[in-house]
Every structure is written in C-alpha cells, then in structure tokens.
Protein backbone atom coordinates (compact mmCIF):
# COMPACT_ATOMS: atom_id res chain seq x y z
CA MET A 1 301.55 -28.02 94.81
CA THR A 2 298.50 -28.72 92.48
CA THR A 3 297.54 -32.38 91.37
CA HIS A 4 295.85 -32.23 88.04
CA THR A 5 293.72 -35.23 87.26
CA HIS A 6 291.99 -36.51 84.49
CA LYS A 7 290.97 -39.48 82.60
CA THR A 8 293.38 -41.49 80.14
CA THR A 9 291.13 -42.64 78.06
CA ASN A 10 288.84 -41.18 74.89
CA LEU A 11 285.40 -41.14 74.32
CA THR A 12 284.10 -44.07 71.71
CA PRO A 13 282.22 -42.60 68.99
CA ASN A 14 278.29 -44.87 69.41
CA LEU A 15 276.42 -43.88 66.96
CA GLN A 16 276.04 -45.09 63.66
CA PRO A 17 275.24 -42.73 60.71
CA SER A 18 272.29 -41.99 59.29
CA ASP A 19 270.78 -45.34 56.45
CA ASN A 20 269.29 -41.94 53.96
CA ALA A 21 273.04 -41.69 53.55
CA PHE A 22 273.79 -45.04 51.52
CA ILE A 23 270.83 -44.17 49.11
CA ASN A 24 271.07 -43.81 45.73
CA ASP A 25 267.94 -42.68 44.16
CA HIS A 26 268.03 -39.67 41.76
CA THR A 27 264.36 -39.06 41.47
CA ARG A 28 264.84 -37.94 45.58
CA PRO A 29 267.90 -35.44 45.11
CA VAL A 30 267.76 -34.48 48.54
CA LEU A 31 267.27 -36.95 51.70
CA THR A 32 267.59 -35.63 55.20
CA ASN A 33 268.49 -36.32 58.97
CA ASN A 34 266.93 -34.94 61.99
CA ARG A 35 269.24 -36.02 64.93
CA SER A 36 270.00 -35.18 68.84
CA MET A 37 273.17 -36.10 70.17
CA GLN A 38 273.67 -35.64 73.14
CA ALA A 39 277.06 -34.25 74.92
CA GLU A 40 280.28 -36.29 74.90
CA THR A 41 279.14 -38.84 72.14
CA GLY A 42 280.03 -39.21 68.38
CA VAL A 43 279.17 -40.87 65.11
CA VAL A 44 281.61 -43.92 64.53
CA ALA A 45 284.15 -42.88 61.20
CA HIS A 46 282.28 -43.51 57.67
CA SER A 47 281.57 -42.38 54.42
CA HIS A 48 278.76 -42.29 51.34
CA ALA A 49 277.96 -42.16 48.10
CA ARG A 50 275.99 -39.20 48.67
CA GLY A 51 277.28 -35.81 49.63
CA GLN A 52 275.98 -34.57 52.79
CA LEU A 53 275.35 -30.48 54.25
CA LEU A 54 276.58 -31.43 58.01
CA TRP A 55 274.77 -28.58 59.86
CA ALA A 56 274.03 -28.36 64.39
CA GLU A 57 271.26 -26.07 64.59
CA THR A 58 272.50 -26.10 68.00
CA GLY A 59 275.34 -26.81 69.42
CA VAL A 60 279.40 -27.03 68.66
CA LEU A 61 280.38 -30.02 66.84
CA SER A 62 283.90 -31.22 66.43
CA ILE A 63 284.60 -33.07 62.53
CA THR A 64 287.34 -35.33 61.42
CA SER A 65 288.82 -36.49 58.44
CA ASP A 66 292.11 -36.85 56.60
CA ASN A 67 294.38 -35.51 59.57
CA THR A 68 291.93 -32.52 59.70
CA ILE A 69 289.72 -30.95 62.38
CA TRP A 70 287.00 -28.91 61.71
CA VAL A 71 285.13 -26.76 64.86
CA LEU A 72 281.39 -26.29 63.60
CA PRO A 73 278.89 -23.86 65.36
CA PRO A 74 275.55 -23.14 64.46
CA THR A 75 276.14 -20.30 61.99
CA HIS A 76 278.06 -22.79 59.95
CA ALA A 77 277.88 -25.93 57.77
CA VAL A 78 280.69 -28.32 56.30
CA TRP A 79 280.24 -30.04 52.59
CA ILE A 80 281.19 -33.40 52.49
CA PRO A 81 281.79 -34.51 49.41
CA SER A 82 280.59 -38.39 48.03
CA TYR A 83 282.89 -40.91 50.07
CA ILE A 84 285.04 -38.99 52.09
CA PRO A 85 285.54 -40.77 55.27
CA HIS A 86 284.68 -38.68 58.11
CA GLN A 87 284.21 -38.88 62.06
CA VAL A 88 281.55 -36.33 63.74
CA ASN A 89 281.91 -35.77 67.72
CA SER A 90 279.60 -33.38 70.37
CA GLU A 91 281.18 -31.85 73.67
CA THR A 92 277.58 -30.11 74.03
CA GLN A 93 274.23 -31.52 73.28
CA ALA A 94 273.32 -30.69 69.40
CA GLN A 95 270.45 -30.72 67.13
CA LEU A 96 271.80 -32.56 64.04
CA ARG A 97 270.20 -31.21 60.35
CA ASN A 98 271.86 -32.86 57.65
CA LEU A 99 271.45 -33.14 54.11
CA TYR A 100 272.31 -35.89 52.21
CA ILE A 101 272.66 -35.17 47.94
CA ASP A 102 272.44 -37.93 45.58
CA PRO A 103 275.37 -38.18 43.13
CA ALA A 104 273.33 -37.06 40.30
CA TYR A 105 273.54 -33.57 41.34
CA PRO A 106 277.16 -32.43 41.13
CA ILE A 107 277.95 -30.12 43.78
CA ARG A 108 281.13 -27.53 44.42
CA GLN A 109 282.48 -29.50 41.80
CA ASN A 110 286.53 -28.04 42.74
CA GLU A 111 285.94 -29.18 45.86
CA LYS A 112 287.69 -32.65 46.22
CA SER A 113 287.25 -32.49 49.95
CA ILE A 114 285.72 -31.18 53.21
CA VAL A 115 285.23 -27.24 52.84
CA MET A 116 283.48 -25.56 56.00
CA LEU A 117 280.54 -22.71 54.67
CA THR A 118 279.30 -20.24 56.11
CA MET A 119 274.81 -20.83 56.12
CA SER A 120 272.94 -18.24 54.37
CA HIS A 121 269.48 -17.78 56.01
CA LEU A 122 267.82 -19.57 52.73
CA LEU A 123 269.14 -22.53 53.15
CA ARG A 124 268.88 -21.99 57.18
CA GLU A 125 264.63 -21.72 56.61
CA VAL A 126 264.77 -24.62 53.61
CA ILE A 127 266.83 -27.08 56.23
CA LEU A 128 264.61 -26.12 58.67
CA LYS A 129 261.36 -26.86 56.74
CA LEU A 130 262.43 -29.89 55.21
CA THR A 131 263.76 -31.72 58.41
CA ASP A 132 260.15 -30.53 60.38
CA THR A 133 259.01 -33.84 61.49
CA LYS A 134 255.55 -31.44 62.40
CA VAL A 135 254.84 -30.84 59.13
CA SER A 136 253.85 -32.66 56.23
CA LEU A 137 255.04 -32.10 52.71
CA THR A 138 254.46 -34.20 49.94
CA ASP A 139 257.12 -35.93 47.25
CA GLN A 140 257.23 -33.30 45.17
CA GLN A 141 257.15 -30.49 47.70
CA ILE A 142 259.94 -32.22 49.46
CA LYS A 143 261.58 -32.42 45.70
CA ASN A 144 261.49 -28.88 45.26
CA LEU A 145 263.01 -27.56 48.37
CA GLY A 146 265.30 -29.69 47.64
CA LEU A 147 266.58 -28.05 44.57
CA VAL A 148 266.74 -25.09 45.85
CA ALA A 149 269.17 -26.56 49.32
CA ILE A 150 271.19 -27.59 46.10
CA ASP A 151 271.06 -24.31 44.27
CA GLU A 152 272.27 -22.26 47.57
CA LEU A 153 274.76 -24.90 48.72
CA GLU A 154 276.41 -24.61 45.45
CA VAL A 155 277.02 -20.31 46.29
CA LEU A 156 277.76 -20.39 49.97
CA LYS A 157 280.81 -18.88 51.06
CA PRO A 158 283.75 -21.00 51.93
CA PHE A 159 285.11 -20.30 55.68
CA ASN A 160 288.66 -21.30 56.99
CA ASN A 161 288.22 -22.62 60.34
CA ASN A 162 290.57 -26.16 60.47
CA ILE A 163 293.13 -27.13 62.05
CA HIS A 164 295.48 -30.32 61.43
CA SER A 165 296.56 -33.28 64.07
CA GLY A 166 298.81 -35.30 62.70
CA LYS A 167 299.71 -39.05 61.50
CA ASP A 168 301.60 -40.00 64.56
CA LEU A 169 299.66 -42.16 66.85
CA ARG A 170 300.34 -40.63 70.15
CA LEU A 171 300.26 -37.14 68.69
CA GLN A 172 296.17 -38.24 67.28
CA ARG A 173 295.43 -39.63 71.15
CA LEU A 174 296.55 -36.19 72.96
CA ILE A 175 294.93 -34.01 69.96
CA ASN A 176 291.72 -36.60 70.01
CA TYR A 177 291.17 -35.90 74.10
CA ILE A 178 291.82 -32.28 73.28
CA VAL A 179 289.10 -32.02 70.96
CA GLN A 180 286.63 -34.10 73.23
CA HIS A 181 287.34 -31.79 76.32
CA PRO A 182 287.72 -28.47 74.74
CA ASN A 183 287.84 -26.34 78.05
CA GLN A 184 290.86 -28.56 80.04
CA GLN A 185 293.64 -26.47 80.64
CA LEU A 186 296.30 -29.10 81.24
CA SER A 187 300.02 -28.29 80.77
CA LEU A 188 301.77 -30.44 77.98
CA PRO A 189 303.56 -32.52 80.41
CA ASP A 190 300.56 -33.62 81.79
CA LEU A 191 298.54 -34.05 78.46
CA SER A 192 301.86 -35.54 76.74
CA LYS A 193 301.18 -38.90 79.59
CA ILE A 194 297.95 -39.34 77.55
CA ALA A 195 299.56 -39.31 74.75
CA GLY A 196 302.63 -42.05 76.29
CA ALA A 197 305.20 -39.91 75.26
CA SER A 198 307.20 -37.13 76.56
CA ALA A 199 306.73 -33.59 76.55
CA ARG A 200 309.86 -33.24 74.51
CA THR A 201 308.37 -35.97 71.66
CA ILE A 202 304.87 -34.53 71.93
CA GLU A 203 306.16 -30.90 71.18
CA ARG A 204 308.64 -32.23 68.37
CA LEU A 205 305.49 -34.13 66.85
CA PHE A 206 303.76 -30.87 67.00
CA LYS A 207 306.23 -28.85 64.94
CA SER A 208 306.90 -31.95 62.69
CA GLU A 209 303.60 -32.91 61.45
CA THR A 210 301.07 -29.93 62.42
CA GLY A 211 303.74 -26.88 61.50
CA MET A 212 302.94 -25.61 65.22
CA THR A 213 304.51 -25.48 68.12
CA PHE A 214 301.90 -26.93 70.47
CA ARG A 215 301.10 -23.64 72.28
CA GLN A 216 300.58 -22.37 68.83
CA TRP A 217 298.33 -25.08 67.79
CA ARG A 218 296.23 -25.04 71.07
CA SER A 219 296.23 -20.79 70.82
CA ARG A 220 294.04 -22.05 67.02
CA PHE A 221 292.36 -24.56 68.51
CA LYS A 222 291.13 -22.19 71.25
CA LEU A 223 290.37 -19.79 68.72
CA MET A 224 287.94 -21.46 66.76
CA ASN A 225 285.99 -22.84 69.86
CA SER A 226 285.52 -18.45 70.23
CA LEU A 227 282.96 -18.31 67.42
CA ALA A 228 280.93 -20.90 69.44
CA LEU A 229 280.83 -18.11 72.14
CA ILE A 230 280.64 -15.76 70.01
CA THR A 231 277.54 -16.93 68.63
CA GLN A 232 276.07 -17.64 72.11
CA GLY A 233 276.26 -13.73 73.06
CA LYS A 234 279.18 -14.21 74.86
CA THR A 235 281.44 -10.63 74.96
CA SER A 236 285.04 -10.52 73.99
CA THR A 237 285.84 -9.82 77.72
CA PHE A 238 283.99 -13.03 78.44
CA ILE A 239 285.63 -15.50 75.71
CA ALA A 240 289.43 -13.54 76.22
CA HIS A 241 289.19 -14.84 79.81
CA GLU A 242 287.74 -18.05 79.28
CA LEU A 243 289.90 -18.54 76.78
CA GLY A 244 293.40 -17.60 78.13
CA TYR A 245 293.88 -14.77 76.21
CA LYS A 246 296.46 -12.17 78.67
CA SER A 247 294.32 -9.40 77.08
CA VAL A 248 290.51 -8.86 75.71
CA SER A 249 292.85 -6.89 73.22
CA SER A 250 294.86 -9.36 72.30
CA PHE A 251 292.04 -12.41 71.77
CA ILE A 252 290.34 -9.44 69.41
CA THR A 253 293.65 -8.54 67.36
CA THR A 254 294.23 -12.45 66.91
CA PHE A 255 290.56 -13.36 66.06
CA LYS A 256 290.52 -10.61 63.28
CA ALA A 257 294.49 -11.97 62.06
CA GLN A 258 292.74 -15.52 61.65
CA PHE A 259 288.63 -14.58 60.67
CA GLY A 260 289.31 -10.90 58.75
CA CYS A 261 286.91 -9.21 61.33
CA THR A 262 286.51 -8.83 65.03
CA PRO A 263 284.84 -10.54 67.32
CA GLN A 264 281.74 -8.12 67.14
CA GLU A 265 281.53 -7.33 63.56
CA TYR A 266 281.29 -11.66 63.21
CA ALA A 267 278.77 -11.39 66.02
CA THR A 268 277.10 -9.18 63.67
CA LYS A 269 277.36 -10.19 60.34
CA GLU A 270 276.32 -13.90 61.82
C-alpha cells in the first residue's frame, strides 16, 4: 500500500507590488518593473489605478482574480485593467517584465476584466528595451517606446486559457494547492483532506461551482500547463507522459480541441 505525503499549508504570497503601479502621471504613459521571482513565491493580492501588462520573460506564472485562474507561459501576457484585484504566484523561478499604463491612455476598452494575450515579437522587444537596466534611455525615448507598446498592446489577440476556481473556501483551498503544486498527482481523497471536506463534497463543489467534474477540471488545468512544456521544447510524447495522458494521440486531440491547433503547430507559431 502506497502512502501519500503532502504539505497541508498553502504557499503564502510574500512580495509587494511595484510602487510604479500606483503612480498617476499622464506625462509618463508607461512605467515599468523588472523583477525576479524565486520558485514558490507570490505577490500579495492587490489592485492599482494603472492598467498592467504582466509578462514573464522566463518561467511560468499563475494569476488569480475573481475566482478565475490563468496559467501564463513566456509566449503570452495578461492585460489587467485598472482596479482589478489580482494575485500572482510562481511555482518556478521567473523573470517578470511589467508595463503599467497611466489611466489617461485607455487600453482595450471593450474588455473590462483580465484577458490573456498572445505576445508579438515587436512588443516583446519593446518591453525588453524598456526594462533593460543596462540601457540608459532618455525620458523622451521612454515615452516614445511606451506609446509604441500601447499601440501594439491594443491589437494583440486574446487567447482562451483560464479556468474557474469557485467561491467555496474549501474548494479554493484545494485548488490553490493544485495551482501551487502543478506536478502533484494526489488522488481526490488525499486532496480532499487538504480542503477539509469529504471527497464526495469536493466532487459536488467542483460540479456546482466550476461546471466541471474534478477529473475534467484537473485535465483542463494540465492542458493549460502543457503550454509551458511546449515552449521549453518538450515533445508531445514527453508532455503526454508527464501530464498523465493515456496516449500521445489523446493529448494531441484534447490540445487541438481546446486551442485550435496541434502542439507542434503551436510550437511553430510561437
């Protein structure tokens, strides 16, 4: 008989957001923040007046807001409108490159909540230059590059890669554990102990609060995390085995149904 061991406490976010997120100054359209996050760390839940483009040059982030979770590989970013509460966690070491847009410059006005976006090569290069601590830019150069970033941000394509976390505290406790330990393979009875409820109760909560069974939810979460493995150059065979799919073909079929392309096509595009 195999005995599973696990931590019953969640990782506690311990980092504060950048001060630049809270500065209102229309003469500086874009302010930046270049931050390293160690593995298993997080930024405390917060909101701010400036809209934020959150992007990790390296590493994989999870963003939680309004009972929704996004898994963010380096090929994508998330746009966070003004005053939207959010929390950021990193299971792995990550290098964040944030842009904060002054509210005097309206961005993506039809989107009132967080949206995941496919990064463009142009925006990537602009952000890298704006956040490069080894490069000395004049105020005018920073403003000009910031305006280019705003224009490019406006046209980035949305990418559907989120999942609901529900409102029940027991369910959120369990889901937080899964998000912070994405490679764990605990069974529902073992995970239910973390939540402080029976497996039957947790299964019912998954169905009523996320619209999915536990198995469906975990499958979708694994699929979201597969993007990070693809960007690392892993093969479909490796990913299918790593994420517990019954076969490579079932992984590829599920991936294409969710994202509209095969893993190989996704890797080529990115």
